[in-house]
């Protein structure tokens, strides 16, 4: 066998061994890999249990842990994100996220209460 073939076989064996090792590490630690979307969910007017306070029909509700506080936000289809509670306004301001305050938004119905949505959003927060 020539030296080139020998080195190619060694290189191929090394690639296979490293690939198997990497896959083993990934499989063994799959539980430690977090899903970045576990703290958010799609909500819509039709299926929401409680008072629907928005002028839009659906959006993504999200909860971010901000220290001891839980920042609940609502993302619309047009890409705007609204801070639904005081913690979300503080979190957005502190991190320069540019979330819109819900009290000045055209997204909120004037006589509606967002408490039901905030309660639902708080259930999405993970530690």
Protein backbone atom coordinates (compact mmCIF):
# COMPACT_ATOMS: atom_id res chain seq x y z
CA UNK A 1 0.00 0.00 0.00
CA UNK A 2 1.31 3.41 -0.90
CA UNK A 3 1.95 6.12 1.66
CA UNK A 4 -0.84 8.28 0.17
CA UNK A 5 -3.44 5.54 0.53
CA UNK A 6 -2.26 4.86 4.08
CA UNK A 7 -2.58 8.56 5.06
CA UNK A 8 -6.01 8.79 3.40
CA UNK A 9 -7.21 5.77 5.37
CA UNK A 10 -5.89 7.26 8.61
CA UNK A 11 -7.58 10.60 7.83
CA UNK A 12 -10.90 8.91 6.98
CA UNK A 13 -10.77 6.84 10.18
CA UNK A 14 -10.03 9.98 12.19
CA UNK A 15 -12.98 11.84 10.63
CA UNK A 16 -15.31 8.92 11.41
CA UNK A 17 -14.04 8.68 15.01
CA UNK A 18 -14.46 12.43 15.61
CA UNK A 19 -17.95 12.40 14.07
CA UNK A 20 -19.01 9.50 16.29
CA UNK A 21 -17.58 11.24 19.36
CA UNK A 22 -19.37 14.50 18.52
CA UNK A 23 -22.69 12.71 17.93
CA UNK A 24 -22.30 10.83 21.21
CA UNK A 25 -21.72 14.07 23.10
CA UNK A 26 -24.75 15.70 21.47
CA UNK A 27 -27.02 12.73 22.17
CA UNK A 28 -25.88 12.46 25.78
CA UNK A 29 -26.51 16.16 26.38
CA UNK A 30 -29.67 16.69 24.34
CA UNK A 31 -31.65 17.40 27.51
CA UNK A 32 -29.34 20.29 28.31
CA UNK A 33 -29.96 22.01 24.99
CA UNK A 34 -32.76 24.50 25.49
CA UNK A 35 -35.47 25.29 23.00
CA UNK A 36 -35.32 29.05 22.40
CA UNK A 37 -39.05 29.14 21.69
CA UNK A 38 -40.27 27.33 24.79
CA UNK A 39 -41.16 30.65 26.44
CA UNK A 40 -43.48 31.83 23.68
CA UNK A 41 -46.61 30.71 21.92
CA UNK A 42 -49.07 31.74 19.26
CA UNK A 43 -52.39 33.06 20.58
CA UNK A 44 -55.47 34.09 18.65
CA UNK A 45 -58.80 35.72 19.33
CA UNK A 46 -60.84 32.68 18.33
CA UNK A 47 -59.30 30.20 20.76
CA UNK A 48 -58.10 32.48 23.58
CA UNK A 49 -59.77 31.73 26.91
CA UNK A 50 -60.54 35.06 28.52
CA UNK A 51 -61.07 38.60 27.30
CA UNK A 52 -59.31 39.35 23.99
CA UNK A 53 -58.01 42.91 24.34
CA UNK A 54 -56.38 43.46 20.96
CA UNK A 55 -57.50 44.91 17.65
CA UNK A 56 -55.48 42.25 15.80
CA UNK A 57 -56.69 38.65 15.51
CA UNK A 58 -53.50 36.86 16.58
CA UNK A 59 -49.89 37.21 17.67
CA UNK A 60 -47.05 35.65 19.62
CA UNK A 61 -47.15 35.91 23.39
CA UNK A 62 -43.77 35.73 25.11
CA UNK A 63 -42.39 35.81 28.64
CA UNK A 64 -38.79 36.64 29.46
CA UNK A 65 -37.27 36.27 32.91
CA UNK A 66 -35.79 39.60 33.89
CA UNK A 67 -34.21 38.85 37.25
CA UNK A 68 -37.07 38.46 39.73
CA UNK A 69 -39.53 39.97 37.25
CA UNK A 70 -41.32 38.37 34.32
CA UNK A 71 -41.52 40.49 31.17
CA UNK A 72 -44.62 39.64 29.11
CA UNK A 73 -44.69 40.86 25.50
CA UNK A 74 -46.92 40.47 22.44
CA UNK A 75 -45.51 40.29 18.91
CA UNK A 76 -47.80 41.10 16.00
CA UNK A 77 -47.64 39.84 12.42
CA UNK A 78 -46.22 43.19 11.30
CA UNK A 79 -43.20 42.67 13.58
CA UNK A 80 -44.07 45.16 16.31
CA UNK A 81 -43.54 44.00 19.86
CA UNK A 82 -45.63 45.41 22.70
CA UNK A 83 -44.67 45.42 26.37
CA UNK A 84 -47.72 44.14 28.25
CA UNK A 85 -46.59 44.72 31.83
CA UNK A 86 -44.31 47.07 33.74
CA UNK A 87 -41.54 44.45 33.86
CA UNK A 88 -41.63 44.24 30.05
CA UNK A 89 -41.37 48.02 29.68
CA UNK A 90 -38.37 48.07 32.03
CA UNK A 91 -36.78 45.04 30.32
CA UNK A 92 -37.20 46.61 26.88
CA UNK A 93 -35.82 49.96 28.01
CA UNK A 94 -32.85 48.44 29.85
CA UNK A 95 -31.92 46.27 26.84
CA UNK A 96 -32.75 48.87 24.15
CA UNK A 97 -35.30 46.55 22.53
CA UNK A 98 -37.72 49.24 21.41
CA UNK A 99 -40.90 47.46 22.50
CA UNK A 100 -44.01 49.61 22.24
CA UNK A 101 -45.92 50.46 25.42
CA UNK A 102 -49.38 48.91 25.30
CA UNK A 103 -51.13 51.99 26.72
CA UNK A 104 -50.24 54.10 23.68
CA UNK A 105 -50.65 51.37 21.11
CA UNK A 106 -53.35 51.26 18.50
CA UNK A 107 -53.30 47.50 19.01
CA UNK A 108 -55.23 47.57 22.29
CA UNK A 109 -58.99 47.97 22.32
CA UNK A 110 -59.86 51.05 24.36
CA UNK A 111 -62.20 49.45 26.90
CA UNK A 112 -60.37 46.18 27.23
CA UNK A 113 -58.33 44.70 30.04
CA UNK A 114 -55.09 42.83 29.27
CA UNK A 115 -54.93 40.96 32.58
CA UNK A 116 -56.08 37.66 31.03
CA UNK A 117 -53.34 37.87 28.40
CA UNK A 118 -50.68 38.77 30.97
CA UNK A 119 -51.73 35.81 33.17
CA UNK A 120 -51.45 33.53 30.15
CA UNK A 121 -48.05 35.01 29.28
CA UNK A 122 -46.70 34.51 32.79
CA UNK A 123 -47.31 30.76 32.45
CA UNK A 124 -44.75 30.75 29.59
CA UNK A 125 -41.87 31.99 31.74
CA UNK A 126 -39.22 29.43 32.51
CA UNK A 127 -36.58 29.66 35.18
